[in-house]
């Protein structure tokens, strides 16, 4: 069931148009959070390197990343699909896309 103008309706239905503004999807910079460390602002390339290093700390990659060929592919997949990684019970690192400058009027 989905919310419609007249209440709840059954069946799938698009409520909002797909995102069309490319600025919404830009992910050029990230804020990285690690327990006990100050936040870091990284470029997308630096975030991939950081994620690959975090994955290297694990004894085995997460199950959904295990089939990927290498650390770089795992880091890229993780960057596209998640925002946190548990390194050990209770120790979680996080990353979030941010925009450093307001969008330019066009």
C-alpha atoms as a PDB file:
ATOM      1  CA  UNK A   1       0.000   0.000   0.000  1.00  0.00           C
ATOM      2  CA  UNK A   2       1.186   3.505  -0.769  1.00  0.00           C
ATOM      3  CA  UNK A   3       0.006   6.896   0.380  1.00  0.00           C
ATOM      4  CA  UNK A   4      -2.044   8.646  -2.269  1.00  0.00           C
ATOM      5  CA  UNK A   5      -4.058  11.859  -2.386  1.00  0.00           C
ATOM      6  CA  UNK A   6      -7.214  10.177  -1.193  1.00  0.00           C
ATOM      7  CA  UNK A   7      -5.610   7.972   1.467  1.00  0.00           C
ATOM      8  CA  UNK A   8      -3.956   4.586   1.182  1.00  0.00           C
ATOM      9  CA  UNK A   9      -4.061   2.791  -2.152  1.00  0.00           C
ATOM     10  CA  UNK A  10      -2.889  -0.690  -3.021  1.00  0.00           C
ATOM     11  CA  UNK A  11      -0.278  -1.488  -5.625  1.00  0.00           C
ATOM     12  CA  UNK A  12       3.035   0.087  -6.600  1.00  0.00           C
ATOM     13  CA  UNK A  13       2.963   3.681  -7.764  1.00  0.00           C
ATOM     14  CA  UNK A  14       5.509   6.455  -8.322  1.00  0.00           C
ATOM     15  CA  UNK A  15       4.857   9.190  -5.805  1.00  0.00           C
ATOM     16  CA  UNK A  16       7.753  11.414  -6.779  1.00  0.00           C
ATOM     17  CA  UNK A  17       9.582  11.789 -10.081  1.00  0.00           C
ATOM     18  CA  UNK A  18      13.077  10.320 -10.197  1.00  0.00           C
ATOM     19  CA  UNK A  19      15.902  12.697  -9.267  1.00  0.00           C
ATOM     20  CA  UNK A  20      16.834  14.725 -12.308  1.00  0.00           C
ATOM     21  CA  UNK A  21      19.213  17.291 -10.798  1.00  0.00           C
ATOM     22  CA  UNK A  22      22.765  15.922 -11.120  1.00  0.00           C
ATOM     23  CA  UNK A  23      23.865  18.049  -8.146  1.00  0.00           C
ATOM     24  CA  UNK A  24      21.750  15.845  -5.906  1.00  0.00           C
ATOM     25  CA  UNK A  25      23.754  12.800  -6.946  1.00  0.00           C
ATOM     26  CA  UNK A  26      27.235  14.375  -6.872  1.00  0.00           C
ATOM     27  CA  UNK A  27      29.511  12.679  -4.395  1.00  0.00           C
ATOM     28  CA  UNK A  28      32.806  14.495  -4.716  1.00  0.00           C
ATOM     29  CA  UNK A  29      33.629  14.783  -1.014  1.00  0.00           C
ATOM     30  CA  UNK A  30      32.944  12.805   2.129  1.00  0.00           C
ATOM     31  CA  UNK A  31      33.137  13.288   5.848  1.00  0.00           C
ATOM     32  CA  UNK A  32      34.713  10.244   7.491  1.00  0.00           C
ATOM     33  CA  UNK A  33      34.043   9.324  11.121  1.00  0.00           C
ATOM     34  CA  UNK A  34      36.222   6.939  13.116  1.00  0.00           C
ATOM     35  CA  UNK A  35      35.884   6.203  16.840  1.00  0.00           C
ATOM     36  CA  UNK A  36      38.300   8.275  18.916  1.00  0.00           C
ATOM     37  CA  UNK A  37      39.517  10.380  15.973  1.00  0.00           C
ATOM     38  CA  UNK A  38      38.492  13.808  14.667  1.00  0.00           C
ATOM     39  CA  UNK A  39      36.298  13.862  11.569  1.00  0.00           C
ATOM     40  CA  UNK A  40      38.099  13.985   8.234  1.00  0.00           C
ATOM     41  CA  UNK A  41      37.006  15.665   5.006  1.00  0.00           C
ATOM     42  CA  UNK A  42      38.184  13.595   2.042  1.00  0.00           C
ATOM     43  CA  UNK A  43      37.801  13.656  -1.719  1.00  0.00           C
ATOM     44  CA  UNK A  44      35.997  10.724  -3.324  1.00  0.00           C
ATOM     45  CA  UNK A  45      39.360   9.232  -4.403  1.00  0.00           C
ATOM     46  CA  UNK A  46      40.786   9.624  -0.888  1.00  0.00           C
ATOM     47  CA  UNK A  47      37.642   8.055   0.586  1.00  0.00           C
ATOM     48  CA  UNK A  48      38.060   5.010  -1.657  1.00  0.00           C
ATOM     49  CA  UNK A  49      41.655   4.607  -0.475  1.00  0.00           C
ATOM     50  CA  UNK A  50      40.536   5.043   3.146  1.00  0.00           C
ATOM     51  CA  UNK A  51      37.767   2.446   2.694  1.00  0.00           C
ATOM     52  CA  UNK A  52      40.161  -0.019   1.113  1.00  0.00           C
ATOM     53  CA  UNK A  53      42.411   0.390   4.162  1.00  0.00           C
ATOM     54  CA  UNK A  54      39.472  -0.201   6.498  1.00  0.00           C
ATOM     55  CA  UNK A  55      38.517  -3.354   4.579  1.00  0.00           C
ATOM     56  CA  UNK A  56      42.121  -4.567   4.844  1.00  0.00           C
ATOM     57  CA  UNK A  57      41.772  -4.472   8.640  1.00  0.00           C
ATOM     58  CA  UNK A  58      39.084  -7.164   8.493  1.00  0.00           C
ATOM     59  CA  UNK A  59      39.995 -10.848   8.657  1.00  0.00           C
ATOM     60  CA  UNK A  60      37.494 -11.474   5.843  1.00  0.00           C
ATOM     61  CA  UNK A  61      35.428  -9.097   3.697  1.00  0.00           C
ATOM     62  CA  UNK A  62      31.696  -8.783   4.376  1.00  0.00           C
ATOM     63  CA  UNK A  63      29.759 -11.580   2.656  1.00  0.00           C
ATOM     64  CA  UNK A  64      28.181  -9.279   0.069  1.00  0.00           C
ATOM     65  CA  UNK A  65      31.636  -8.046  -1.014  1.00  0.00           C
ATOM     66  CA  UNK A  66      33.470 -11.382  -0.989  1.00  0.00           C
ATOM     67  CA  UNK A  67      32.826 -12.196  -4.638  1.00  0.00           C
ATOM     68  CA  UNK A  68      34.413  -8.962  -5.884  1.00  0.00           C
ATOM     69  CA  UNK A  69      37.909  -9.348  -7.339  1.00  0.00           C
ATOM     70  CA  UNK A  70      39.960  -7.026  -5.117  1.00  0.00           C
ATOM     71  CA  UNK A  71      40.030  -4.406  -2.392  1.00  0.00           C
ATOM     72  CA  UNK A  72      39.510  -1.506  -4.805  1.00  0.00           C
ATOM     73  CA  UNK A  73      36.333  -3.096  -6.208  1.00  0.00           C
ATOM     74  CA  UNK A  74      35.080  -3.859  -2.697  1.00  0.00           C
ATOM     75  CA  UNK A  75      35.737  -0.283  -1.564  1.00  0.00           C
ATOM     76  CA  UNK A  76      33.929   1.138  -4.615  1.00  0.00           C
ATOM     77  CA  UNK A  77      30.929  -1.126  -4.036  1.00  0.00           C
ATOM     78  CA  UNK A  78      30.840  -0.205  -0.352  1.00  0.00           C
ATOM     79  CA  UNK A  79      31.033   3.508  -1.154  1.00  0.00           C
ATOM     80  CA  UNK A  80      28.075   3.164  -3.542  1.00  0.00           C
ATOM     81  CA  UNK A  81      25.877   1.031  -1.285  1.00  0.00           C
ATOM     82  CA  UNK A  82      26.577   1.794   2.378  1.00  0.00           C
ATOM     83  CA  UNK A  83      27.648   4.456   4.843  1.00  0.00           C
ATOM     84  CA  UNK A  84      29.166   2.394   7.644  1.00  0.00           C
ATOM     85  CA  UNK A  85      31.353  -0.635   8.266  1.00  0.00           C
ATOM     86  CA  UNK A  86      31.699  -2.589  11.485  1.00  0.00           C
ATOM     87  CA  UNK A  87      35.365  -3.438  11.960  1.00  0.00           C
ATOM     88  CA  UNK A  88      34.769  -5.442  15.128  1.00  0.00           C
ATOM     89  CA  UNK A  89      31.852  -5.682  17.540  1.00  0.00           C
ATOM     90  CA  UNK A  90      30.995  -2.145  18.586  1.00  0.00           C
ATOM     91  CA  UNK A  91      33.661  -0.455  16.433  1.00  0.00           C
ATOM     92  CA  UNK A  92      32.016   1.188  13.443  1.00  0.00           C
ATOM     93  CA  UNK A  93      33.451   3.613  10.887  1.00  0.00           C
ATOM     94  CA  UNK A  94      31.116   5.832   8.868  1.00  0.00           C
ATOM     95  CA  UNK A  95      31.283   8.040   5.767  1.00  0.00           C
ATOM     96  CA  UNK A  96      28.781  10.494   4.337  1.00  0.00           C
ATOM     97  CA  UNK A  97      28.751  12.409   1.065  1.00  0.00           C
ATOM     98  CA  UNK A  98      28.854  16.174   1.543  1.00  0.00           C
ATOM     99  CA  UNK A  99      28.830  19.262  -0.655  1.00  0.00           C
ATOM    100  CA  UNK A 100      31.571  21.732   0.231  1.00  0.00           C
ATOM    101  CA  UNK A 101      30.259  24.617  -1.884  1.00  0.00           C
ATOM    102  CA  UNK A 102      26.699  25.689  -2.629  1.00  0.00           C
ATOM    103  CA  UNK A 103      25.487  24.868  -6.158  1.00  0.00           C
ATOM    104  CA  UNK A 104      26.058  27.575  -8.713  1.00  0.00           C
ATOM    105  CA  UNK A 105      22.988  29.239 -10.248  1.00  0.00           C
ATOM    106  CA  UNK A 106      22.749  28.278 -13.856  1.00  0.00           C
END
